[in-house]
Amino acid sequence: MSRDFVNRLCAALPGAENSDPWGGGHDCWKVGGKMFAVIGAINQAVAAKTDSIETAEMLIEAGPARRAAYFHRSWVELPLDAAEDELRHRILASYRLIRGALPKKVQAGLDPIP
């Protein structure tokens, strides 16, 4: 897969916005002002939030993910050349977690998840 695939996937999610808050070529995807996916400027990987530290540790131990540097331990990093279904699943799960934690008023203003 590629950076373009991840960016297209994220862009298709309701309320998703792209920015580069640190400069230097990051693709930071947010919903309601909260990050759900970040593609690094240098390494070819995407960081996504999991539901818990335990889930992140399991994914790291099982092999599809690695620790996401500079993020909380509940975030993992997946290489951009990971399987398309794994990337899609992790990004959508991260999006749902972040979106679900937004204030109800903000959630109500977003289109349904496809």
PDB file of N, CA and C in Angstrom:
ATOM      1  N   MET A   1       0.840  -1.170   0.000  1.00  0.00           N
ATOM      2  CA  MET A   1       0.000   0.000   0.000  1.00  0.00           C
ATOM      3  C   MET A   1       0.885   1.232   0.000  1.00  0.00           C
ATOM      4  N   SER A   2       0.257   2.355   0.049  1.00  0.00           N
ATOM      5  CA  SER A   2       1.043   3.571  -0.052  1.00  0.00           C
ATOM      6  C   SER A   2       0.446   4.685   0.791  1.00  0.00           C
ATOM      7  N   ARG A   3       1.203   5.745   0.889  1.00  0.00           N
ATOM      8  CA  ARG A   3       0.741   6.947   1.572  1.00  0.00           C
ATOM      9  C   ARG A   3      -0.546   7.452   0.928  1.00  0.00           C
ATOM     10  N   ASP A   4      -0.623   7.385  -0.398  1.00  0.00           N
ATOM     11  CA  ASP A   4      -1.824   7.823  -1.113  1.00  0.00           C
ATOM     12  C   ASP A   4      -3.043   6.999  -0.708  1.00  0.00           C
ATOM     13  N   PHE A   5      -2.878   5.684  -0.574  1.00  0.00           N
ATOM     14  CA  PHE A   5      -3.983   4.820  -0.157  1.00  0.00           C
ATOM     15  C   PHE A   5      -4.497   5.250   1.215  1.00  0.00           C
ATOM     16  N   VAL A   6      -3.595   5.446   2.160  1.00  0.00           N
ATOM     17  CA  VAL A   6      -3.988   5.838   3.518  1.00  0.00           C
ATOM     18  C   VAL A   6      -4.656   7.210   3.496  1.00  0.00           C
ATOM     19  N   ASN A   7      -4.108   8.144   2.753  1.00  0.00           N
ATOM     20  CA  ASN A   7      -4.702   9.472   2.682  1.00  0.00           C
ATOM     21  C   ASN A   7      -6.093   9.438   2.046  1.00  0.00           C
ATOM     22  N   ARG A   8      -6.285   8.635   1.014  1.00  0.00           N
ATOM     23  CA  ARG A   8      -7.619   8.504   0.401  1.00  0.00           C
ATOM     24  C   ARG A   8      -8.608   7.887   1.380  1.00  0.00           C
ATOM     25  N   LEU A   9      -8.175   6.868   2.100  1.00  0.00           N
ATOM     26  CA  LEU A   9      -9.032   6.214   3.088  1.00  0.00           C
ATOM     27  C   LEU A   9      -9.452   7.210   4.174  1.00  0.00           C
ATOM     28  N   CYS A  10      -8.501   7.928   4.716  1.00  0.00           N
ATOM     29  CA  CYS A  10      -8.797   8.900   5.776  1.00  0.00           C
ATOM     30  C   CYS A  10      -9.679  10.032   5.260  1.00  0.00           C
ATOM     31  N   ALA A  11      -9.391  10.522   4.075  1.00  0.00           N
ATOM     32  CA  ALA A  11     -10.148  11.639   3.507  1.00  0.00           C
ATOM     33  C   ALA A  11     -11.616  11.284   3.292  1.00  0.00           C
ATOM     34  N   ALA A  12     -11.917  10.011   3.083  1.00  0.00           N
ATOM     35  CA  ALA A  12     -13.286   9.573   2.834  1.00  0.00           C
ATOM     36  C   ALA A  12     -14.125   9.484   4.108  1.00  0.00           C
ATOM     37  N   LEU A  13     -13.507   9.598   5.274  1.00  0.00           N
ATOM     38  CA  LEU A  13     -14.236   9.481   6.538  1.00  0.00           C
ATOM     39  C   LEU A  13     -14.921  10.800   6.892  1.00  0.00           C
ATOM     40  N   PRO A  14     -16.170  10.734   7.371  1.00  0.00           N
ATOM     41  CA  PRO A  14     -16.933  11.950   7.678  1.00  0.00           C
ATOM     42  C   PRO A  14     -16.222  12.855   8.683  1.00  0.00           C
ATOM     43  N   GLY A  15     -16.057  14.112   8.305  1.00  0.00           N
ATOM     44  CA  GLY A  15     -15.458  15.098   9.193  1.00  0.00           C
ATOM     45  C   GLY A  15     -13.947  15.058   9.275  1.00  0.00           C
ATOM     46  N   ALA A  16     -13.307  14.174   8.510  1.00  0.00           N
ATOM     47  CA  ALA A  16     -11.848  14.052   8.570  1.00  0.00           C
ATOM     48  C   ALA A  16     -11.176  15.265   7.950  1.00  0.00           C
ATOM     49  N   GLU A  17     -10.142  15.752   8.632  1.00  0.00           N
ATOM     50  CA  GLU A  17      -9.365  16.890   8.161  1.00  0.00           C
ATOM     51  C   GLU A  17      -7.887  16.557   8.226  1.00  0.00           C
ATOM     52  N   ASN A  18      -7.150  17.018   7.219  1.00  0.00           N
ATOM     53  CA  ASN A  18      -5.716  16.763   7.140  1.00  0.00           C
ATOM     54  C   ASN A  18      -4.952  18.033   7.488  1.00  0.00           C
ATOM     55  N   SER A  19      -3.865  17.869   8.230  1.00  0.00           N
ATOM     56  CA  SER A  19      -2.986  18.992   8.536  1.00  0.00           C
ATOM     57  C   SER A  19      -1.562  18.474   8.691  1.00  0.00           C
ATOM     58  N   ASP A  20      -0.634  19.410   8.838  1.00  0.00           N
ATOM     59  CA  ASP A  20       0.771  19.082   9.098  1.00  0.00           C
ATOM     60  C   ASP A  20       1.205  19.940  10.284  1.00  0.00           C
ATOM     61  N   PRO A  21       0.754  19.582  11.504  1.00  0.00           N
ATOM     62  CA  PRO A  21       0.971  20.450  12.661  1.00  0.00           C
ATOM     63  C   PRO A  21       2.429  20.638  13.068  1.00  0.00           C
ATOM     64  N   TRP A  22       3.293  19.727  12.700  1.00  0.00           N
ATOM     65  CA  TRP A  22       4.699  19.818  13.097  1.00  0.00           C
ATOM     66  C   TRP A  22       5.584  20.286  11.959  1.00  0.00           C
ATOM     67  N   GLY A  23       5.019  20.434  10.784  1.00  0.00           N
ATOM     68  CA  GLY A  23       5.797  20.808   9.613  1.00  0.00           C
ATOM     69  C   GLY A  23       6.635  19.635   9.122  1.00  0.00           C
ATOM     70  N   GLY A  24       7.214  19.775   7.989  1.00  0.00           N
ATOM     71  CA  GLY A  24       8.126  18.755   7.492  1.00  0.00           C
ATOM     72  C   GLY A  24       7.497  17.623   6.721  1.00  0.00           C
ATOM     73  N   GLY A  25       6.213  17.665   6.428  1.00  0.00           N
ATOM     74  CA  GLY A  25       5.615  16.650   5.571  1.00  0.00           C
ATOM     75  C   GLY A  25       4.841  15.546   6.261  1.00  0.00           C
ATOM     76  N   HIS A  26       4.350  15.766   7.468  1.00  0.00           N
ATOM     77  CA  HIS A  26       3.477  14.788   8.123  1.00  0.00           C
ATOM     78  C   HIS A  26       2.067  14.909   7.547  1.00  0.00           C
ATOM     79  N   ASP A  27       1.347  13.822   7.501  1.00  0.00           N
ATOM     80  CA  ASP A  27      -0.085  13.841   7.204  1.00  0.00           C
ATOM     81  C   ASP A  27      -0.790  13.458   8.492  1.00  0.00           C
ATOM     82  N   CYS A  28      -1.368  14.443   9.139  1.00  0.00           N
ATOM     83  CA  CYS A  28      -2.057  14.236  10.408  1.00  0.00           C
ATOM     84  C   CYS A  28      -3.550  14.320  10.151  1.00  0.00           C
ATOM     85  N   TRP A  29      -4.273  13.238  10.391  1.00  0.00           N
ATOM     86  CA  TRP A  29      -5.710  13.177  10.158  1.00  0.00           C
ATOM     87  C   TRP A  29      -6.446  13.317  11.473  1.00  0.00           C
ATOM     88  N   LYS A  30      -7.426  14.232  11.482  1.00  0.00           N
ATOM     89  CA  LYS A  30      -8.192  14.524  12.692  1.00  0.00           C
ATOM     90  C   LYS A  30      -9.685  14.476  12.390  1.00  0.00           C
ATOM     91  N   VAL A  31     -10.447  14.195  13.429  1.00  0.00           N
ATOM     92  CA  VAL A  31     -11.899  14.355  13.386  1.00  0.00           C
ATOM     93  C   VAL A  31     -12.267  15.117  14.651  1.00  0.00           C
ATOM     94  N   GLY A  32     -13.041  16.169  14.487  1.00  0.00           N
ATOM     95  CA  GLY A  32     -13.394  16.993  15.638  1.00  0.00           C
ATOM     96  C   GLY A  32     -12.190  17.588  16.334  1.00  0.00           C
ATOM     97  N   GLY A  33     -11.094  17.804  15.595  1.00  0.00           N
ATOM     98  CA  GLY A  33      -9.883  18.376  16.163  1.00  0.00           C
ATOM     99  C   GLY A  33      -8.981  17.384  16.886  1.00  0.00           C
ATOM    100  N   LYS A  34      -9.339  16.094  16.877  1.00  0.00           N
ATOM    101  CA  LYS A  34      -8.556  15.059  17.570  1.00  0.00           C
ATOM    102  C   LYS A  34      -7.936  14.099  16.549  1.00  0.00           C
ATOM    103  N   MET A  35      -6.666  13.782  16.736  1.00  0.00           N
ATOM    104  CA  MET A  35      -5.957  12.897  15.809  1.00  0.00           C
ATOM    105  C   MET A  35      -6.481  11.465  15.863  1.00  0.00           C
ATOM    106  N   PHE A  36      -6.596  10.858  14.670  1.00  0.00           N
ATOM    107  CA  PHE A  36      -6.903   9.429  14.606  1.00  0.00           C
ATOM    108  C   PHE A  36      -5.889   8.668  13.754  1.00  0.00           C
ATOM    109  N   ALA A  37      -5.121   9.352  12.916  1.00  0.00           N
ATOM    110  CA  ALA A  37      -4.081   8.705  12.111  1.00  0.00           C
ATOM    111  C   ALA A  37      -3.021   9.736  11.754  1.00  0.00           C
ATOM    112  N   VAL A  38      -1.763   9.290  11.757  1.00  0.00           N
ATOM    113  CA  VAL A  38      -0.649  10.175  11.411  1.00  0.00           C
ATOM    114  C   VAL A  38       0.357   9.386  10.577  1.00  0.00           C
ATOM    115  N   ILE A  39       0.681   9.942   9.410  1.00  0.00           N
ATOM    116  CA  ILE A  39       1.738   9.370   8.590  1.00  0.00           C
ATOM    117  C   ILE A  39       2.972  10.225   8.813  1.00  0.00           C
ATOM    118  N   GLY A  40       4.062   9.578   9.179  1.00  0.00           N
ATOM    119  CA  GLY A  40       5.291  10.301   9.467  1.00  0.00           C
ATOM    120  C   GLY A  40       5.915  10.922   8.236  1.00  0.00           C
ATOM    121  N   ALA A  41       6.764  11.900   8.467  1.00  0.00           N
ATOM    122  CA  ALA A  41       7.449  12.585   7.377  1.00  0.00           C
ATOM    123  C   ALA A  41       8.602  11.757   6.825  1.00  0.00           C
ATOM    124  N   ILE A  42       9.222  10.935   7.681  1.00  0.00           N
ATOM    125  CA  ILE A  42      10.411  10.204   7.260  1.00  0.00           C
ATOM    126  C   ILE A  42      10.133   8.711   7.085  1.00  0.00           C
ATOM    127  N   ASN A  43       9.671   8.056   8.162  1.00  0.00           N
ATOM    128  CA  ASN A  43       9.437   6.620   8.044  1.00  0.00           C
ATOM    129  C   ASN A  43       8.114   6.362   7.325  1.00  0.00           C
ATOM    130  N   GLN A  44       8.057   5.326   6.591  1.00  0.00           N
ATOM    131  CA  GLN A  44       6.894   4.985   5.780  1.00  0.00           C
ATOM    132  C   GLN A  44       5.917   4.139   6.593  1.00  0.00           C
ATOM    133  N   ALA A  45       5.220   4.811   7.533  1.00  0.00           N
ATOM    134  CA  ALA A  45       4.294   4.118   8.424  1.00  0.00           C
ATOM    135  C   ALA A  45       3.176   5.058   8.828  1.00  0.00           C
ATOM    136  N   VAL A  46       2.075   4.468   9.299  1.00  0.00           N
ATOM    137  CA  VAL A  46       0.948   5.249   9.804  1.00  0.00           C
ATOM    138  C   VAL A  46       0.707   4.852  11.253  1.00  0.00           C
ATOM    139  N   ALA A  47       0.533   5.846  12.110  1.00  0.00           N
ATOM    140  CA  ALA A  47       0.219   5.611  13.517  1.00  0.00           C
ATOM    141  C   ALA A  47      -1.293   5.686  13.689  1.00  0.00           C
ATOM    142  N   ALA A  48      -1.835   4.782  14.502  1.00  0.00           N
ATOM    143  CA  ALA A  48      -3.270   4.743  14.770  1.00  0.00           C
ATOM    144  C   ALA A  48      -3.493   4.360  16.227  1.00  0.00           C
ATOM    145  N   LYS A  49      -4.576   4.855  16.791  1.00  0.00           N
ATOM    146  CA  LYS A  49      -4.911   4.577  18.188  1.00  0.00           C
ATOM    147  C   LYS A  49      -5.620   3.230  18.303  1.00  0.00           C
ATOM    148  N   THR A  50      -5.328   2.508  19.382  1.00  0.00           N
ATOM    149  CA  THR A  50      -6.060   1.287  19.704  1.00  0.00           C
ATOM    150  C   THR A  50      -6.913   1.564  20.947  1.00  0.00           C
ATOM    151  N   ASP A  51      -7.739   0.609  21.311  1.00  0.00           N
ATOM    152  CA  ASP A  51      -8.635   0.816  22.453  1.00  0.00           C
ATOM    153  C   ASP A  51      -7.939   0.712  23.802  1.00  0.00           C
ATOM    154  N   SER A  52      -6.708   0.200  23.830  1.00  0.00           N
ATOM    155  CA  SER A  52      -6.019   0.044  25.110  1.00  0.00           C
ATOM    156  C   SER A  52      -4.529  -0.235  24.899  1.00  0.00           C
ATOM    157  N   ILE A  53      -3.780  -0.066  25.957  1.00  0.00           N
ATOM    158  CA  ILE A  53      -2.363  -0.419  25.939  1.00  0.00           C
ATOM    159  C   ILE A  53      -2.200  -1.912  25.674  1.00  0.00           C
ATOM    160  N   GLU A  54      -3.091  -2.703  26.253  1.00  0.00           N
ATOM    161  CA  GLU A  54      -3.017  -4.166  26.081  1.00  0.00           C
ATOM    162  C   GLU A  54      -3.209  -4.555  24.619  1.00  0.00           C
ATOM    163  N   THR A  55      -4.155  -3.923  23.949  1.00  0.00           N
ATOM    164  CA  THR A  55      -4.372  -4.213  22.526  1.00  0.00           C
ATOM    165  C   THR A  55      -3.140  -3.817  21.721  1.00  0.00           C
ATOM    166  N   ALA A  56      -2.581  -2.661  22.010  1.00  0.00           N
ATOM    167  CA  ALA A  56      -1.376  -2.222  21.312  1.00  0.00           C
ATOM    168  C   ALA A  56      -0.237  -3.218  21.530  1.00  0.00           C
ATOM    169  N   GLU A  57      -0.041  -3.643  22.771  1.00  0.00           N
ATOM    170  CA  GLU A  57       1.023  -4.611  23.066  1.00  0.00           C
ATOM    171  C   GLU A  57       0.806  -5.928  22.342  1.00  0.00           C
ATOM    172  N   MET A  58      -0.449  -6.374  22.262  1.00  0.00           N
ATOM    173  CA  MET A  58      -0.763  -7.620  21.552  1.00  0.00           C
ATOM    174  C   MET A  58      -0.436  -7.486  20.067  1.00  0.00           C
ATOM    175  N   LEU A  59      -0.799  -6.362  19.456  1.00  0.00           N
ATOM    176  CA  LEU A  59      -0.515  -6.148  18.037  1.00  0.00           C
ATOM    177  C   LEU A  59       0.985  -6.073  17.782  1.00  0.00           C
ATOM    178  N   ILE A  60       1.716  -5.461  18.709  1.00  0.00           N
ATOM    179  CA  ILE A  60       3.168  -5.375  18.574  1.00  0.00           C
ATOM    180  C   ILE A  60       3.787  -6.760  18.715  1.00  0.00           C
ATOM    181  N   GLU A  61       3.323  -7.508  19.697  1.00  0.00           N
ATOM    182  CA  GLU A  61       3.855  -8.857  19.923  1.00  0.00           C
ATOM    183  C   GLU A  61       3.512  -9.800  18.771  1.00  0.00           C
ATOM    184  N   ALA A  62       2.302  -9.672  18.222  1.00  0.00           N
ATOM    185  CA  ALA A  62       1.857 -10.546  17.132  1.00  0.00           C
ATOM    186  C   ALA A  62       2.544 -10.210  15.812  1.00  0.00           C
ATOM    187  N   GLY A  63       3.057  -8.993  15.696  1.00  0.00           N
ATOM    188  CA  GLY A  63       3.845  -8.669  14.530  1.00  0.00           C
ATOM    189  C   GLY A  63       3.302  -7.681  13.520  1.00  0.00           C
ATOM    190  N   PRO A  64       1.994  -7.417  13.410  1.00  0.00           N
ATOM    191  CA  PRO A  64       1.602  -6.478  12.358  1.00  0.00           C
ATOM    192  C   PRO A  64       1.922  -5.024  12.683  1.00  0.00           C
ATOM    193  N   ALA A  65       2.273  -4.725  13.925  1.00  0.00           N
ATOM    194  CA  ALA A  65       2.491  -3.331  14.323  1.00  0.00           C
ATOM    195  C   ALA A  65       3.766  -3.207  15.138  1.00  0.00           C
ATOM    196  N   ARG A  66       4.174  -1.967  15.328  1.00  0.00           N
ATOM    197  CA  ARG A  66       5.296  -1.666  16.217  1.00  0.00           C
ATOM    198  C   ARG A  66       4.912  -0.455  17.065  1.00  0.00           C
ATOM    199  N   ARG A  67       5.679  -0.185  18.074  1.00  0.00           N
ATOM    200  CA  ARG A  67       5.408   0.941  18.973  1.00  0.00           C
ATOM    201  C   ARG A  67       5.474   2.242  18.181  1.00  0.00           C
ATOM    202  N   ALA A  68       4.490   3.099  18.365  1.00  0.00           N
ATOM    203  CA  ALA A  68       4.471   4.399  17.693  1.00  0.00           C
ATOM    204  C   ALA A  68       5.263   5.398  18.533  1.00  0.00           C
ATOM    205  N   ALA A  69       6.413   5.774  18.040  1.00  0.00           N
ATOM    206  CA  ALA A  69       7.272   6.724  18.757  1.00  0.00           C
ATOM    207  C   ALA A  69       6.547   8.047  18.966  1.00  0.00           C
ATOM    208  N   TYR A  70       6.759   8.635  20.124  1.00  0.00           N
ATOM    209  CA  TYR A  70       6.218   9.946  20.499  1.00  0.00           C
ATOM    210  C   TYR A  70       4.721   9.938  20.824  1.00  0.00           C
ATOM    211  N   PHE A  71       4.070   8.797  20.758  1.00  0.00           N
ATOM    212  CA  PHE A  71       2.650   8.690  21.059  1.00  0.00           C
ATOM    213  C   PHE A  71       2.440   7.898  22.346  1.00  0.00           C
ATOM    214  N   HIS A  72       1.252   8.020  22.903  1.00  0.00           N
ATOM    215  CA  HIS A  72       0.862   7.227  24.065  1.00  0.00           C
ATOM    216  C   HIS A  72       0.990   5.744  23.713  1.00  0.00           C
ATOM    217  N   ARG A  73       1.162   4.916  24.716  1.00  0.00           N
ATOM    218  CA  ARG A  73       1.365   3.474  24.495  1.00  0.00           C
ATOM    219  C   ARG A  73       0.157   2.771  23.890  1.00  0.00           C
ATOM    220  N   SER A  74      -0.988   3.429  23.818  1.00  0.00           N
ATOM    221  CA  SER A  74      -2.157   2.814  23.189  1.00  0.00           C
ATOM    222  C   SER A  74      -2.157   3.023  21.669  1.00  0.00           C
ATOM    223  N   TRP A  75      -1.159   3.727  21.156  1.00  0.00           N
ATOM    224  CA  TRP A  75      -1.024   3.921  19.709  1.00  0.00           C
ATOM    225  C   TRP A  75      -0.017   2.925  19.158  1.00  0.00           C
ATOM    226  N   VAL A  76      -0.253   2.479  17.926  1.00  0.00           N
ATOM    227  CA  VAL A  76       0.678   1.596  17.225  1.00  0.00           C
ATOM    228  C   VAL A  76       1.015   2.214  15.874  1.00  0.00           C
ATOM    229  N   GLU A  77       2.069   1.705  15.292  1.00  0.00           N
ATOM    230  CA  GLU A  77       2.500   2.154  13.973  1.00  0.00           C
ATOM    231  C   GLU A  77       2.514   0.948  13.045  1.00  0.00           C
ATOM    232  N   LEU A  78       1.897   1.113  11.883  1.00  0.00           N
ATOM    233  CA  LEU A  78       1.869   0.060  10.871  1.00  0.00           C
ATOM    234  C   LEU A  78       2.628   0.536   9.638  1.00  0.00           C
ATOM    235  N   PRO A  79       3.483  -0.314   9.072  1.00  0.00           N
ATOM    236  CA  PRO A  79       4.190   0.088   7.858  1.00  0.00           C
ATOM    237  C   PRO A  79       3.187   0.304   6.720  1.00  0.00           C
ATOM    238  N   LEU A  80       3.472   1.258   5.844  1.00  0.00           N
ATOM    239  CA  LEU A  80       2.564   1.532   4.737  1.00  0.00           C
ATOM    240  C   LEU A  80       2.452   0.363   3.772  1.00  0.00           C
ATOM    241  N   ASP A  81       3.403  -0.571   3.818  1.00  0.00           N
ATOM    242  CA  ASP A  81       3.305  -1.741   2.946  1.00  0.00           C
ATOM    243  C   ASP A  81       2.619  -2.924   3.640  1.00  0.00           C
ATOM    244  N   ALA A  82       1.972  -2.674   4.787  1.00  0.00           N
ATOM    245  CA  ALA A  82       1.188  -3.717   5.459  1.00  0.00           C
ATOM    246  C   ALA A  82      -0.011  -4.074   4.583  1.00  0.00           C
ATOM    247  N   ALA A  83      -0.638  -5.185   4.893  1.00  0.00           N
ATOM    248  CA  ALA A  83      -1.804  -5.627   4.132  1.00  0.00           C
ATOM    249  C   ALA A  83      -2.896  -4.553   4.157  1.00  0.00           C
ATOM    250  N   GLU A  84      -3.529  -4.344   3.016  1.00  0.00           N
ATOM    251  CA  GLU A  84      -4.564  -3.315   2.879  1.00  0.00           C
ATOM    252  C   GLU A  84      -5.677  -3.474   3.908  1.00  0.00           C
ATOM    253  N   ASP A  85      -6.118  -4.721   4.135  1.00  0.00           N
ATOM    254  CA  ASP A  85      -7.216  -4.938   5.090  1.00  0.00           C
ATOM    255  C   ASP A  85      -6.782  -4.610   6.519  1.00  0.00           C
ATOM    256  N   GLU A  86      -5.525  -4.842   6.867  1.00  0.00           N
ATOM    257  CA  GLU A  86      -5.020  -4.500   8.203  1.00  0.00           C
ATOM    258  C   GLU A  86      -4.952  -2.986   8.380  1.00  0.00           C
ATOM    259  N   LEU A  87      -4.420  -2.294   7.391  1.00  0.00           N
ATOM    260  CA  LEU A  87      -4.371  -0.835   7.453  1.00  0.00           C
ATOM    261  C   LEU A  87      -5.776  -0.257   7.571  1.00  0.00           C
ATOM    262  N   ARG A  88      -6.678  -0.733   6.733  1.00  0.00           N
ATOM    263  CA  ARG A  88      -8.056  -0.235   6.757  1.00  0.00           C
ATOM    264  C   ARG A  88      -8.693  -0.475   8.127  1.00  0.00           C
ATOM    265  N   HIS A  89      -8.545  -1.681   8.652  1.00  0.00           N
ATOM    266  CA  HIS A  89      -9.143  -2.026   9.942  1.00  0.00           C
ATOM    267  C   HIS A  89      -8.603  -1.140  11.065  1.00  0.00           C
ATOM    268  N   ARG A  90      -7.299  -0.990  11.145  1.00  0.00           N
ATOM    269  CA  ARG A  90      -6.691  -0.204  12.221  1.00  0.00           C
ATOM    270  C   ARG A  90      -7.077   1.277  12.130  1.00  0.00           C
ATOM    271  N   ILE A  91      -7.076   1.828  10.923  1.00  0.00           N
ATOM    272  CA  ILE A  91      -7.433   3.237  10.757  1.00  0.00           C
ATOM    273  C   ILE A  91      -8.906   3.462  11.098  1.00  0.00           C
ATOM    274  N   LEU A  92      -9.779   2.586  10.617  1.00  0.00           N
ATOM    275  CA  LEU A  92     -11.208   2.730  10.926  1.00  0.00           C
ATOM    276  C   LEU A  92     -11.476   2.543  12.420  1.00  0.00           C
ATOM    277  N   ALA A  93     -10.788   1.610  13.049  1.00  0.00           N
ATOM    278  CA  ALA A  93     -10.963   1.406  14.494  1.00  0.00           C
ATOM    279  C   ALA A  93     -10.505   2.650  15.253  1.00  0.00           C
ATOM    280  N   SER A  94      -9.399   3.234  14.847  1.00  0.00           N
ATOM    281  CA  SER A  94      -8.895   4.450  15.481  1.00  0.00           C
ATOM    282  C   SER A  94      -9.887   5.597  15.290  1.00  0.00           C
ATOM    283  N   TYR A  95     -10.377   5.752  14.069  1.00  0.00           N
ATOM    284  CA  TYR A  95     -11.358   6.800  13.772  1.00  0.00           C
ATOM    285  C   TYR A  95     -12.590   6.645  14.658  1.00  0.00           C
ATOM    286  N   ARG A  96     -13.112   5.433  14.753  1.00  0.00           N
ATOM    287  CA  ARG A  96     -14.313   5.186  15.571  1.00  0.00           C
ATOM    288  C   ARG A  96     -14.065   5.510  17.051  1.00  0.00           C
ATOM    289  N   LEU A  97     -12.890   5.136  17.561  1.00  0.00           N
ATOM    290  CA  LEU A  97     -12.550   5.437  18.961  1.00  0.00           C
ATOM    291  C   LEU A  97     -12.523   6.943  19.212  1.00  0.00           C
ATOM    292  N   ILE A  98     -11.836   7.660  18.343  1.00  0.00           N
ATOM    293  CA  ILE A  98     -11.709   9.106  18.518  1.00  0.00           C
ATOM    294  C   ILE A  98     -13.060   9.781  18.324  1.00  0.00           C
ATOM    295  N   ARG A  99     -13.761   9.406  17.291  1.00  0.00           N
ATOM    296  CA  ARG A  99     -15.080   9.994  17.029  1.00  0.00           C
ATOM    297  C   ARG A  99     -16.038   9.718  18.184  1.00  0.00           C
ATOM    298  N   GLY A 100     -16.010   8.506  18.719  1.00  0.00           N
ATOM    299  CA  GLY A 100     -16.890   8.128  19.821  1.00  0.00           C
ATOM    300  C   GLY A 100     -16.615   8.882  21.113  1.00  0.00           C
ATOM    301  N   ALA A 101     -15.429   9.446  21.245  1.00  0.00           N
ATOM    302  CA  ALA A 101     -15.071  10.194  22.451  1.00  0.00           C
ATOM    303  C   ALA A 101     -15.351  11.695  22.311  1.00  0.00           C
ATOM    304  N   LEU A 102     -15.762  12.107  21.127  1.00  0.00           N
ATOM    305  CA  LEU A 102     -16.077  13.520  20.911  1.00  0.00           C
ATOM    306  C   LEU A 102     -17.375  13.869  21.634  1.00  0.00           C
ATOM    307  N   PRO A 103     -17.576  15.144  21.950  1.00  0.00           N
ATOM    308  CA  PRO A 103     -18.844  15.552  22.552  1.00  0.00           C
ATOM    309  C   PRO A 103     -20.029  15.149  21.658  1.00  0.00           C
ATOM    310  N   LYS A 104     -21.120  14.786  22.253  1.00  0.00           N
ATOM    311  CA  LYS A 104     -22.301  14.321  21.514  1.00  0.00           C
ATOM    312  C   LYS A 104     -22.750  15.330  20.458  1.00  0.00           C
ATOM    313  N   LYS A 105     -22.666  16.604  20.766  1.00  0.00           N
ATOM    314  CA  LYS A 105     -23.070  17.644  19.821  1.00  0.00           C
ATOM    315  C   LYS A 105     -22.190  17.606  18.561  1.00  0.00           C
ATOM    316  N   VAL A 106     -20.893  17.392  18.750  1.00  0.00           N
ATOM    317  CA  VAL A 106     -19.975  17.312  17.616  1.00  0.00           C
ATOM    318  C   VAL A 106     -20.257  16.045  16.816  1.00  0.00           C
ATOM    319  N   GLN A 107     -20.462  14.921  17.512  1.00  0.00           N
ATOM    320  CA  GLN A 107     -20.775  13.663  16.826  1.00  0.00           C
ATOM    321  C   GLN A 107     -22.051  13.788  16.001  1.00  0.00           C
ATOM    322  N   ALA A 108     -23.052  14.472  16.548  1.00  0.00           N
ATOM    323  CA  ALA A 108     -24.335  14.616  15.858  1.00  0.00           C
ATOM    324  C   ALA A 108     -24.194  15.409  14.551  1.00  0.00           C
ATOM    325  N   GLY A 109     -23.188  16.263  14.478  1.00  0.00           N
ATOM    326  CA  GLY A 109     -22.967  17.061  13.280  1.00  0.00           C
ATOM    327  C   GLY A 109     -22.209  16.353  12.184  1.00  0.00           C
ATOM    328  N   LEU A 110     -21.786  15.123  12.436  1.00  0.00           N
ATOM    329  CA  LEU A 110     -21.027  14.347  11.433  1.00  0.00           C
ATOM    330  C   LEU A 110     -21.938  13.378  10.700  1.00  0.00           C
ATOM    331  N   ASP A 111     -21.627  13.153   9.434  1.00  0.00           N
ATOM    332  CA  ASP A 111     -22.365  12.151   8.660  1.00  0.00           C
ATOM    333  C   ASP A 111     -22.096  10.767   9.241  1.00  0.00           C
ATOM    334  N   PRO A 112     -22.981   9.797   8.961  1.00  0.00           N
ATOM    335  CA  PRO A 112     -22.764   8.427   9.447  1.00  0.00           C
ATOM    336  C   PRO A 112     -21.462   7.834   8.888  1.00  0.00           C
ATOM    337  N   ILE A 113     -20.901   6.903   9.626  1.00  0.00           N
ATOM    338  CA  ILE A 113     -19.686   6.216   9.182  1.00  0.00           C
ATOM    339  C   ILE A 113     -20.058   5.266   8.044  1.00  0.00           C
ATOM    340  N   PRO A 114     -19.319   5.327   6.917  1.00  0.00           N
ATOM    341  CA  PRO A 114     -19.658   4.442   5.784  1.00  0.00           C
ATOM    342  C   PRO A 114     -19.411   2.979   6.095  1.00  0.00           C
TER     343      PRO A 114
END
